[in-house]
Amino acid sequence: MEYRIVLQRMEFHALHGCYELERKVGNRFTVDVEITAELGDVAAEDNVEKAVNYLTVYEVVREQMALTQHTIERVAMNIIDAIKDRFSAVRHVKCTVSKLAPPLGGKIDRVSVVLEK
């Protein structure tokens, strides 16, 4: 059976950005991930060992957010690859990385990148 696991609005302070100041001072980011996995009948079995543990998913995302990158596209790709490497049952990951209040010279809530793999 195919399952979808969704973690929304995980918030981090990180040092991603194309400008040197962004990589020194940092900014606030949110990350959303939607994971599709083939987990058999894990719901009927109620077996956490067979599930995609969302605490582990959060830790994977947190670890990737701690690695400074120039683009949020790279951050999203790294998150997807790390999740797929960690869980063999994962078939597809959609990842949205948003930079909150980006320094664009005007008022803007966020800029986001969405990658799927």
Protein backbone atom coordinates (compact mmCIF):
# COMPACT_ATOMS: atom_id res chain seq x y z
CA MET A 1 0.00 0.00 0.00
CA GLU A 2 1.21 3.49 -0.83
CA TYR A 3 1.36 6.06 1.96
CA ARG A 4 1.88 9.81 1.97
CA ILE A 5 3.66 11.47 4.89
CA VAL A 6 3.57 15.29 5.08
CA LEU A 7 5.60 17.57 7.35
CA GLN A 8 4.63 21.23 7.04
CA ARG A 9 6.17 24.55 8.01
CA MET A 10 9.30 23.27 9.70
CA GLU A 11 11.11 26.49 10.56
CA PHE A 12 14.87 26.99 10.73
CA HIS A 13 17.42 29.75 10.96
CA ALA A 14 20.06 29.00 8.32
CA LEU A 15 22.90 30.60 6.38
CA HIS A 16 21.76 29.98 2.79
CA GLY A 17 22.08 32.69 0.18
CA CYS A 18 23.98 34.00 -2.79
CA TYR A 19 25.19 37.07 -0.91
CA GLU A 20 28.04 36.88 1.61
CA LEU A 21 26.02 38.75 4.24
CA GLU A 22 23.21 36.16 3.99
CA ARG A 23 25.73 33.39 4.62
CA LYS A 24 27.07 35.24 7.69
CA VAL A 25 23.89 36.60 9.29
CA GLY A 26 21.40 34.04 8.02
CA ASN A 27 17.68 34.17 7.57
CA ARG A 28 14.54 32.29 8.53
CA PHE A 29 13.38 29.47 6.29
CA THR A 30 10.48 27.07 6.24
CA VAL A 31 10.52 23.61 4.73
CA ASP A 32 7.59 21.42 3.70
CA VAL A 33 8.08 17.83 2.61
CA GLU A 34 5.58 15.41 1.14
CA ILE A 35 6.82 11.84 0.99
CA THR A 36 5.24 8.97 -0.92
CA ALA A 37 6.35 5.55 0.28
CA GLU A 38 5.50 1.93 -0.30
CA LEU A 39 5.04 0.64 3.25
CA GLY A 40 2.97 -2.51 2.79
CA ASP A 41 0.30 -2.74 5.46
CA VAL A 42 2.10 -0.72 8.14
CA ALA A 43 -1.18 0.90 9.31
CA ALA A 44 -2.83 -2.46 9.99
CA GLU A 45 0.30 -3.84 11.62
CA ASP A 46 0.85 -0.69 13.73
CA ASN A 47 4.60 -1.27 13.43
CA VAL A 48 6.73 1.85 13.80
CA GLU A 49 9.81 -0.07 12.64
CA LYS A 50 8.29 -0.39 9.15
CA ALA A 51 7.02 3.20 8.98
CA VAL A 52 8.78 6.29 7.69
CA ASN A 53 9.50 7.85 11.07
CA TYR A 54 8.66 11.54 10.83
CA LEU A 55 10.98 12.41 13.74
CA THR A 56 13.83 10.98 11.65
CA VAL A 57 12.58 12.90 8.60
CA TYR A 58 12.68 16.11 10.66
CA GLU A 59 16.24 15.35 11.79
CA VAL A 60 17.32 14.72 8.18
CA VAL A 61 15.84 18.08 7.15
CA ARG A 62 17.44 19.84 10.12
CA GLU A 63 20.85 18.38 9.23
CA GLN A 64 20.55 19.53 5.62
CA MET A 65 19.42 23.02 6.63
CA ALA A 66 22.58 23.33 8.74
CA LEU A 67 24.78 22.91 5.63
CA THR A 68 25.23 26.35 4.05
CA GLN A 69 24.35 26.52 0.35
CA HIS A 70 24.20 29.37 -2.17
CA THR A 71 20.72 28.47 -3.50
CA ILE A 72 17.57 27.12 -1.95
CA GLU A 73 17.26 24.92 -5.04
CA ARG A 74 20.37 23.06 -3.86
CA VAL A 75 19.00 22.88 -0.33
CA ALA A 76 15.76 21.29 -1.57
CA MET A 77 17.66 18.80 -3.75
CA ASN A 78 19.90 17.82 -0.83
CA ILE A 79 16.87 17.29 1.43
CA ILE A 80 15.18 15.06 -1.15
CA ASP A 81 18.32 13.00 -1.73
CA ALA A 82 18.97 12.61 2.01
CA ILE A 83 15.41 11.43 2.68
CA LYS A 84 15.54 8.93 -0.18
CA ASP A 85 18.95 7.68 1.03
CA ARG A 86 17.66 7.23 4.59
CA PHE A 87 14.41 5.38 3.76
CA SER A 88 14.44 2.65 1.12
CA ALA A 89 10.62 2.57 0.99
CA VAL A 90 10.40 6.19 -0.19
CA ARG A 91 9.38 6.45 -3.85
CA HIS A 92 8.84 10.19 -4.29
CA VAL A 93 9.56 13.38 -2.35
CA LYS A 94 8.20 16.86 -2.92
CA CYS A 95 10.15 19.53 -1.05
CA THR A 96 9.36 23.22 -0.70
CA VAL A 97 12.03 25.48 0.77
CA SER A 98 10.98 29.07 1.49
CA LYS A 99 13.17 31.99 2.49
CA LEU A 100 11.14 34.31 4.70
CA ALA A 101 11.41 38.07 4.16
CA PRO A 102 14.18 37.79 1.55
CA PRO A 103 16.37 40.87 1.04
CA LEU A 104 14.94 41.98 -2.31
CA GLY A 105 14.64 45.71 -1.64
CA GLY A 106 10.91 45.69 -0.88
CA LYS A 107 8.28 44.05 1.28
CA ILE A 108 7.82 40.39 0.40
CA ASP A 109 6.64 37.54 2.62
CA ARG A 110 8.74 34.74 1.15
CA VAL A 111 10.30 33.25 -1.93
CA SER A 112 9.95 29.52 -2.43
CA VAL A 113 11.38 26.74 -4.53
CA VAL A 114 9.52 23.46 -5.08
CA LEU A 115 11.40 20.37 -6.24
CA GLU A 116 10.07 16.86 -6.79
CA LYS A 117 12.02 13.70 -7.33
